[in-house]
N, C-alpha and C. Protein backbone atom coordinates (compact mmCIF):
# COMPACT_ATOMS: atom_id res chain seq x y z
N MET A 1 104.88 106.68 95.46
CA MET A 1 103.89 106.63 96.50
C MET A 1 104.15 107.72 97.54
N ASP A 2 105.38 108.15 97.68
CA ASP A 2 105.67 109.23 98.63
C ASP A 2 104.93 110.50 98.24
N ARG A 3 104.90 110.78 96.95
CA ARG A 3 104.21 111.99 96.48
C ARG A 3 102.71 111.89 96.76
N LEU A 4 102.14 110.71 96.59
CA LEU A 4 100.73 110.51 96.86
C LEU A 4 100.43 110.68 98.34
N GLU A 5 101.25 110.09 99.19
CA GLU A 5 101.06 110.23 100.64
C GLU A 5 101.14 111.69 101.07
N HIS A 6 102.11 112.40 100.53
CA HIS A 6 102.25 113.82 100.84
C HIS A 6 101.02 114.60 100.40
N ALA A 7 100.53 114.32 99.21
CA ALA A 7 99.36 115.04 98.69
C ALA A 7 98.12 114.73 99.53
N LEU A 8 97.96 113.48 99.94
CA LEU A 8 96.81 113.12 100.78
C LEU A 8 96.88 113.81 102.14
N GLU A 9 98.05 113.87 102.73
CA GLU A 9 98.22 114.58 104.01
C GLU A 9 97.90 116.07 103.83
N ASN A 10 98.36 116.64 102.74
CA ASN A 10 98.12 118.05 102.46
C ASN A 10 96.62 118.31 102.27
N SER A 11 95.92 117.43 101.57
CA SER A 11 94.48 117.59 101.38
C SER A 11 93.75 117.51 102.71
N HIS A 12 94.16 116.59 103.55
CA HIS A 12 93.53 116.45 104.87
C HIS A 12 93.78 117.69 105.72
N ARG A 13 94.99 118.18 105.69
CA ARG A 13 95.35 119.35 106.48
C ARG A 13 94.56 120.58 106.06
N HIS A 14 94.37 120.77 104.75
CA HIS A 14 93.69 121.96 104.23
C HIS A 14 92.20 121.71 103.98
N LYS A 15 91.73 120.51 104.34
CA LYS A 15 90.32 120.15 104.15
C LYS A 15 89.88 120.36 102.71
N SER A 16 90.72 119.94 101.79
CA SER A 16 90.39 120.05 100.37
C SER A 16 90.13 118.64 99.81
N VAL A 17 89.51 118.60 98.66
CA VAL A 17 89.14 117.33 98.04
C VAL A 17 89.93 117.14 96.76
N GLY A 18 90.54 115.99 96.62
CA GLY A 18 91.24 115.64 95.39
C GLY A 18 90.62 114.39 94.81
N GLY A 19 91.33 113.73 93.98
CA GLY A 19 90.80 112.51 93.40
C GLY A 19 91.90 111.54 93.02
N ILE A 20 91.55 110.27 93.02
CA ILE A 20 92.47 109.22 92.61
C ILE A 20 91.77 108.36 91.56
N LEU A 21 92.46 108.07 90.50
CA LEU A 21 91.94 107.20 89.45
C LEU A 21 92.96 106.12 89.18
N TYR A 22 92.51 104.88 89.23
CA TYR A 22 93.37 103.73 88.94
C TYR A 22 92.93 103.17 87.60
N LEU A 23 93.86 103.01 86.69
CA LEU A 23 93.55 102.53 85.34
C LEU A 23 94.38 101.30 85.04
N ASP A 24 93.72 100.24 84.60
CA ASP A 24 94.40 99.00 84.24
C ASP A 24 94.08 98.69 82.79
N LEU A 25 95.09 98.37 82.00
CA LEU A 25 94.89 98.08 80.58
C LEU A 25 94.55 96.60 80.38
N ASP A 26 93.39 96.34 79.79
CA ASP A 26 92.96 94.97 79.54
C ASP A 26 93.80 94.30 78.45
N ASP A 27 94.01 93.02 78.59
CA ASP A 27 94.69 92.18 77.59
C ASP A 27 96.10 92.66 77.24
N PHE A 28 96.74 93.36 78.16
CA PHE A 28 98.08 93.86 77.89
C PHE A 28 99.08 92.71 77.76
N LYS A 29 98.89 91.65 78.51
CA LYS A 29 99.78 90.50 78.44
C LYS A 29 99.77 89.90 77.03
N THR A 30 98.61 89.87 76.41
CA THR A 30 98.50 89.36 75.04
C THR A 30 99.35 90.18 74.09
N LEU A 31 99.31 91.50 74.24
CA LEU A 31 100.14 92.39 73.40
C LEU A 31 101.62 92.09 73.60
N ASN A 32 102.04 91.99 74.87
CA ASN A 32 103.45 91.69 75.15
C ASN A 32 103.86 90.34 74.57
N ASP A 33 102.98 89.34 74.69
CA ASP A 33 103.31 88.00 74.21
C ASP A 33 103.38 87.93 72.68
N THR A 34 102.52 88.68 72.01
CA THR A 34 102.48 88.59 70.54
C THR A 34 103.38 89.60 69.84
N ARG A 35 103.54 90.78 70.42
CA ARG A 35 104.32 91.85 69.78
C ARG A 35 105.65 92.13 70.46
N GLY A 36 105.85 91.61 71.66
CA GLY A 36 107.10 91.82 72.37
C GLY A 36 107.00 92.93 73.40
N HIS A 37 107.89 92.85 74.39
CA HIS A 37 107.89 93.81 75.49
C HIS A 37 108.22 95.22 75.05
N HIS A 38 109.04 95.36 74.02
CA HIS A 38 109.38 96.69 73.52
C HIS A 38 108.12 97.41 73.03
N THR A 39 107.27 96.69 72.30
CA THR A 39 106.03 97.27 71.80
C THR A 39 105.10 97.63 72.97
N GLY A 40 105.03 96.74 73.97
CA GLY A 40 104.22 97.03 75.14
C GLY A 40 104.69 98.27 75.88
N ASP A 41 105.99 98.43 76.02
CA ASP A 41 106.54 99.62 76.68
C ASP A 41 106.20 100.89 75.89
N LEU A 42 106.30 100.80 74.57
CA LEU A 42 105.95 101.96 73.74
C LEU A 42 104.48 102.34 73.92
N LEU A 43 103.61 101.34 73.97
CA LEU A 43 102.19 101.61 74.18
C LEU A 43 101.95 102.28 75.53
N LEU A 44 102.56 101.76 76.59
CA LEU A 44 102.39 102.35 77.92
C LEU A 44 102.88 103.79 77.95
N LYS A 45 103.99 104.06 77.30
CA LYS A 45 104.51 105.44 77.26
C LYS A 45 103.53 106.36 76.54
N GLN A 46 102.97 105.87 75.43
CA GLN A 46 102.03 106.70 74.67
C GLN A 46 100.75 106.95 75.47
N VAL A 47 100.24 105.93 76.14
CA VAL A 47 99.05 106.11 76.98
C VAL A 47 99.34 107.12 78.09
N ALA A 48 100.48 106.99 78.74
CA ALA A 48 100.85 107.91 79.82
C ALA A 48 100.98 109.35 79.31
N GLU A 49 101.57 109.52 78.14
CA GLU A 49 101.72 110.86 77.58
C GLU A 49 100.36 111.49 77.27
N ARG A 50 99.47 110.70 76.67
CA ARG A 50 98.14 111.22 76.34
C ARG A 50 97.35 111.58 77.59
N LEU A 51 97.41 110.72 78.58
CA LEU A 51 96.67 111.00 79.81
C LEU A 51 97.31 112.14 80.60
N SER A 52 98.62 112.25 80.55
CA SER A 52 99.30 113.37 81.23
C SER A 52 98.89 114.71 80.63
N ALA A 53 98.58 114.70 79.35
CA ALA A 53 98.14 115.94 78.69
C ALA A 53 96.77 116.39 79.19
N CYS A 54 96.05 115.51 79.87
CA CYS A 54 94.71 115.82 80.36
C CYS A 54 94.68 116.31 81.80
N VAL A 55 95.83 116.29 82.46
CA VAL A 55 95.88 116.76 83.84
C VAL A 55 96.82 117.94 83.93
N ARG A 56 96.74 118.63 85.05
CA ARG A 56 97.61 119.79 85.24
C ARG A 56 99.02 119.36 85.62
N ARG A 57 99.93 120.26 85.49
CA ARG A 57 101.35 119.96 85.78
C ARG A 57 101.56 119.55 87.25
N ALA A 58 100.77 120.11 88.14
CA ALA A 58 100.91 119.81 89.57
C ALA A 58 100.32 118.46 89.95
N ASP A 59 99.54 117.86 89.06
CA ASP A 59 98.92 116.57 89.34
C ASP A 59 99.91 115.45 89.04
N THR A 60 99.57 114.25 89.46
CA THR A 60 100.48 113.12 89.37
C THR A 60 99.92 112.03 88.46
N VAL A 61 100.76 111.57 87.55
CA VAL A 61 100.47 110.38 86.75
C VAL A 61 101.65 109.44 86.97
N ALA A 62 101.37 108.23 87.43
CA ALA A 62 102.45 107.29 87.75
C ALA A 62 102.09 105.89 87.28
N ARG A 63 103.10 105.16 86.87
CA ARG A 63 102.93 103.75 86.52
C ARG A 63 103.12 102.94 87.79
N LEU A 64 102.09 102.16 88.14
CA LEU A 64 102.14 101.38 89.37
C LEU A 64 102.65 99.97 89.15
N GLY A 65 102.23 99.37 88.09
CA GLY A 65 102.62 97.99 87.83
C GLY A 65 102.86 97.80 86.35
N VAL A 66 102.82 96.57 85.92
CA VAL A 66 103.08 96.27 84.51
C VAL A 66 102.03 96.91 83.62
N THR A 67 100.77 96.85 84.02
CA THR A 67 99.70 97.35 83.16
C THR A 67 98.84 98.42 83.79
N SER A 68 99.26 99.00 84.90
CA SER A 68 98.38 99.93 85.59
C SER A 68 99.02 101.30 85.78
N LEU A 69 98.16 102.30 85.72
CA LEU A 69 98.56 103.70 85.92
C LEU A 69 97.70 104.29 87.03
N LEU A 70 98.25 105.22 87.77
CA LEU A 70 97.53 105.89 88.84
C LEU A 70 97.58 107.39 88.60
N PHE A 71 96.46 108.06 88.80
CA PHE A 71 96.37 109.50 88.66
C PHE A 71 95.92 110.08 89.98
N TYR A 72 96.54 111.16 90.38
CA TYR A 72 96.08 111.91 91.55
C TYR A 72 96.03 113.37 91.15
N TRP A 73 94.92 114.01 91.41
CA TRP A 73 94.85 115.44 91.18
C TRP A 73 94.38 116.11 92.45
N LYS A 74 94.89 117.33 92.65
CA LYS A 74 94.71 118.03 93.92
C LYS A 74 93.31 118.61 94.10
N SER A 75 92.60 118.84 93.04
CA SER A 75 91.23 119.34 93.16
C SER A 75 90.44 118.77 92.00
N TRP A 76 89.15 118.96 92.03
CA TRP A 76 88.30 118.37 90.99
C TRP A 76 88.29 119.18 89.71
N VAL A 77 89.04 120.26 89.64
CA VAL A 77 89.14 121.03 88.41
C VAL A 77 90.08 120.29 87.48
N MET A 78 89.53 119.66 86.47
CA MET A 78 90.34 118.82 85.57
C MET A 78 89.70 118.83 84.20
N ARG A 79 90.50 118.83 83.18
CA ARG A 79 89.99 118.72 81.82
C ARG A 79 89.60 117.27 81.58
N TRP A 80 88.37 117.03 81.21
CA TRP A 80 87.89 115.67 81.03
C TRP A 80 87.91 115.25 79.56
N ASN A 81 88.88 115.70 78.81
CA ASN A 81 88.97 115.38 77.40
C ASN A 81 89.92 114.20 77.22
N LEU A 82 89.50 113.01 77.63
CA LEU A 82 90.36 111.82 77.57
C LEU A 82 90.29 111.14 76.21
N ARG A 83 89.47 111.60 75.30
CA ARG A 83 89.29 110.94 74.01
C ARG A 83 90.23 111.47 72.93
N GLN A 84 91.26 112.14 73.26
CA GLN A 84 92.18 112.70 72.26
C GLN A 84 92.96 111.62 71.58
């Protein structure tokens, strides 16, 4: 969250526009209950890797909770190829 706060302050200071996307995985608890936490962790890592490939290196992808990920990018220039 420190990185997000810093980025938001920086955007305000430079009057630039960024974006925040919050993503929550549906029925993740069912996966953990039926396949185990190890499988759930592997899925989250794979989702994070795929989504990280869609943003620039300077942008932020972070796991916020058990089933949620947060993305912050510094400007609206972003590759929107999330279907890989």
